[in-house]
Amino acid sequence: MSNDEHRFYFSSNHSIQDKTLATFTVNLPFPLELTGKWKCAILDCYIKLTKLELNSLFILGDFCEISLVEENKQLPILKKVYLKSNENYYNFLHPLYIPVKQTHLSNFSLAFVDPNLQNILLNTDFLIECTIHFYKHGG
């Protein structure tokens, strides 16, 4: 892979987590230098959240540019995932690439919120994994 793109494999098992909320901080093994214009997308994800009745959720990334949601809310939304019953793995054939606002990443945070943009409360039996793709698209 060239220096113009990076893939990062996130797992909730290997991140710093708030004990009950679906908010995770990931310390990268080396800093990503993102000089120029970069975009990112979720390529795929595995979501195992037991005892939650959700039809969708939002994945927020603190490294993403802000998107307008609902009336006047602005959040760094990386992806909206429409959940299906009895399915945990989601592969996105046409990922939506979001502009990256930072030029240097040594860690980042991901948050998973419900359709009402409220924090998801987790029990102990959960697993969230995803592949994040960064690519340079100019500059």
Protein backbone atom coordinates (compact mmCIF):
# COMPACT_ATOMS: atom_id res chain seq x y z
CA MET A 1 0.00 0.00 0.00
CA SER A 2 1.34 3.42 -0.88
CA ASN A 3 1.68 6.41 1.43
CA ASP A 4 -1.40 7.82 -0.29
CA GLU A 5 -3.74 5.38 1.46
CA HIS A 6 -4.06 3.55 4.76
CA ARG A 7 -6.38 0.85 6.07
CA PHE A 8 -7.03 0.47 9.74
CA TYR A 9 -8.76 -2.53 11.28
CA PHE A 10 -10.65 -1.46 14.40
CA SER A 11 -11.87 -3.85 17.09
CA SER A 12 -13.64 -2.93 20.29
CA ASN A 13 -11.55 -5.68 21.92
CA HIS A 14 -8.36 -3.67 21.31
CA SER A 15 -9.32 -0.13 22.24
CA ILE A 16 -9.84 2.06 25.26
CA GLN A 17 -13.53 2.13 26.01
CA ASP A 18 -15.96 3.98 28.19
CA LYS A 19 -17.33 1.18 30.41
CA THR A 20 -20.98 1.43 29.33
CA LEU A 21 -21.13 3.64 26.25
CA ALA A 22 -20.20 2.60 22.73
CA THR A 23 -17.33 5.11 22.57
CA PHE A 24 -13.81 3.90 21.84
CA THR A 25 -10.38 5.50 21.64
CA VAL A 26 -7.78 3.85 19.45
CA ASN A 27 -4.06 4.48 19.86
CA LEU A 28 -2.39 3.90 16.50
CA PRO A 29 0.88 1.93 16.36
CA PHE A 30 2.42 4.81 14.40
CA PRO A 31 1.17 8.30 13.53
CA LEU A 32 -0.58 8.82 10.23
CA GLU A 33 0.64 11.87 8.36
CA LEU A 34 -2.28 13.12 6.31
CA THR A 35 -0.88 16.18 4.57
CA GLY A 36 -2.96 17.34 1.63
CA LYS A 37 -6.61 16.40 1.15
CA TRP A 38 -7.74 13.05 2.55
CA LYS A 39 -11.01 11.17 2.71
CA CYS A 40 -12.07 8.13 4.70
CA ALA A 41 -14.83 5.52 4.70
CA ILE A 42 -15.97 2.41 6.51
CA LEU A 43 -15.46 -0.52 4.12
CA ASP A 44 -17.08 -3.19 6.27
CA CYS A 45 -18.13 -3.81 9.84
CA TYR A 46 -19.17 -6.51 12.25
CA ILE A 47 -21.64 -5.42 14.91
CA LYS A 48 -22.76 -7.77 17.67
CA LEU A 49 -24.94 -5.88 20.14
CA THR A 50 -27.15 -8.23 22.14
CA LYS A 51 -30.45 -7.16 23.62
CA LEU A 52 -30.62 -3.94 21.64
CA GLU A 53 -33.60 -3.20 19.47
CA LEU A 54 -32.13 -0.86 16.88
CA ASN A 55 -32.92 -0.61 13.19
CA SER A 56 -29.89 1.60 12.52
CA LEU A 57 -26.96 3.34 14.14
CA PHE A 58 -24.49 6.08 13.31
CA ILE A 59 -20.71 5.68 13.48
CA LEU A 60 -19.00 8.94 14.46
CA GLY A 61 -15.29 9.59 13.94
CA ASP A 62 -13.59 12.53 15.63
CA PHE A 63 -11.32 12.85 12.56
CA CYS A 64 -14.21 13.45 10.12
CA GLU A 65 -15.56 16.76 8.93
CA ILE A 66 -18.89 17.74 10.43
CA SER A 67 -22.18 16.76 8.77
CA LEU A 68 -25.54 18.38 9.33
CA VAL A 69 -28.00 15.98 10.94
CA GLU A 70 -31.68 16.59 11.55
CA GLU A 71 -32.55 20.17 12.38
CA ASN A 72 -29.45 21.98 13.60
CA LYS A 73 -27.24 19.20 14.92
CA GLN A 74 -23.74 18.90 13.56
CA LEU A 75 -21.79 15.68 14.10
CA PRO A 76 -18.71 14.01 12.58
CA ILE A 77 -20.67 11.15 10.98
CA LEU A 78 -18.57 8.52 9.25
CA LYS A 79 -21.38 6.08 8.38
CA LYS A 80 -25.01 5.23 9.00
CA VAL A 81 -25.55 1.48 9.21
CA TYR A 82 -28.99 -0.04 8.67
CA LEU A 83 -29.12 -3.10 10.89
CA LYS A 84 -30.82 -6.35 9.90
CA SER A 85 -32.13 -8.93 12.33
CA ASN A 86 -29.95 -12.03 12.61
CA GLU A 87 -27.12 -10.35 10.69
CA ASN A 88 -23.87 -9.06 12.14
CA TYR A 89 -21.54 -8.51 9.18
CA TYR A 90 -22.03 -5.60 6.76
CA ASN A 91 -19.94 -5.05 3.63
CA PHE A 92 -20.37 -1.76 1.76
CA LEU A 93 -19.81 -2.12 -1.98
CA HIS A 94 -20.00 1.64 -2.60
CA PRO A 95 -18.58 3.27 0.54
CA LEU A 96 -19.30 6.92 1.19
CA TYR A 97 -16.02 8.80 1.59
CA ILE A 98 -16.00 11.67 4.10
CA PRO A 99 -13.33 14.43 4.18
CA VAL A 100 -10.78 14.11 6.98
CA LYS A 101 -10.25 17.28 9.03
CA GLN A 102 -6.88 16.43 10.62
CA THR A 103 -3.43 16.32 9.05
CA HIS A 104 -1.91 14.11 11.75
CA LEU A 105 -3.46 11.18 13.63
CA SER A 106 -1.79 9.33 16.49
CA ASN A 107 -5.12 8.26 18.00
CA PHE A 108 -8.77 8.70 17.23
CA SER A 109 -12.19 8.08 18.74
CA LEU A 110 -15.17 6.25 17.32
CA ALA A 111 -18.63 6.52 18.82
CA PHE A 112 -21.72 4.49 17.98
CA VAL A 113 -25.05 6.25 18.57
CA ASP A 114 -28.68 5.29 18.00
CA PRO A 115 -30.98 6.84 15.36
CA ASN A 116 -31.95 9.55 17.88
CA LEU A 117 -28.23 10.44 18.19
CA GLN A 118 -28.15 9.17 21.78
CA ASN A 119 -25.28 7.11 23.16
CA ILE A 120 -25.79 3.37 22.94
CA LEU A 121 -25.54 1.65 26.31
CA LEU A 122 -23.61 -1.61 26.09
CA ASN A 123 -23.77 -4.80 28.07
CA THR A 124 -20.78 -7.10 28.43
CA ASP A 125 -21.64 -9.31 25.44
CA PHE A 126 -20.78 -7.09 22.47
CA LEU A 127 -18.23 -6.83 19.70
CA ILE A 128 -17.75 -4.09 17.13
CA GLU A 129 -15.14 -4.33 14.37
CA CYS A 130 -14.67 -2.37 11.18
CA THR A 131 -12.23 -1.53 8.42
CA ILE A 132 -11.54 2.17 7.91
CA HIS A 133 -9.93 3.28 4.64
CA PHE A 134 -8.07 6.60 4.34
CA TYR A 135 -6.95 7.81 0.94
CA LYS A 136 -5.33 10.96 -0.38
CA HIS A 137 -7.42 12.61 -3.09
CA GLY A 138 -5.42 15.74 -3.82
CA GLY A 139 -2.98 18.33 -2.53
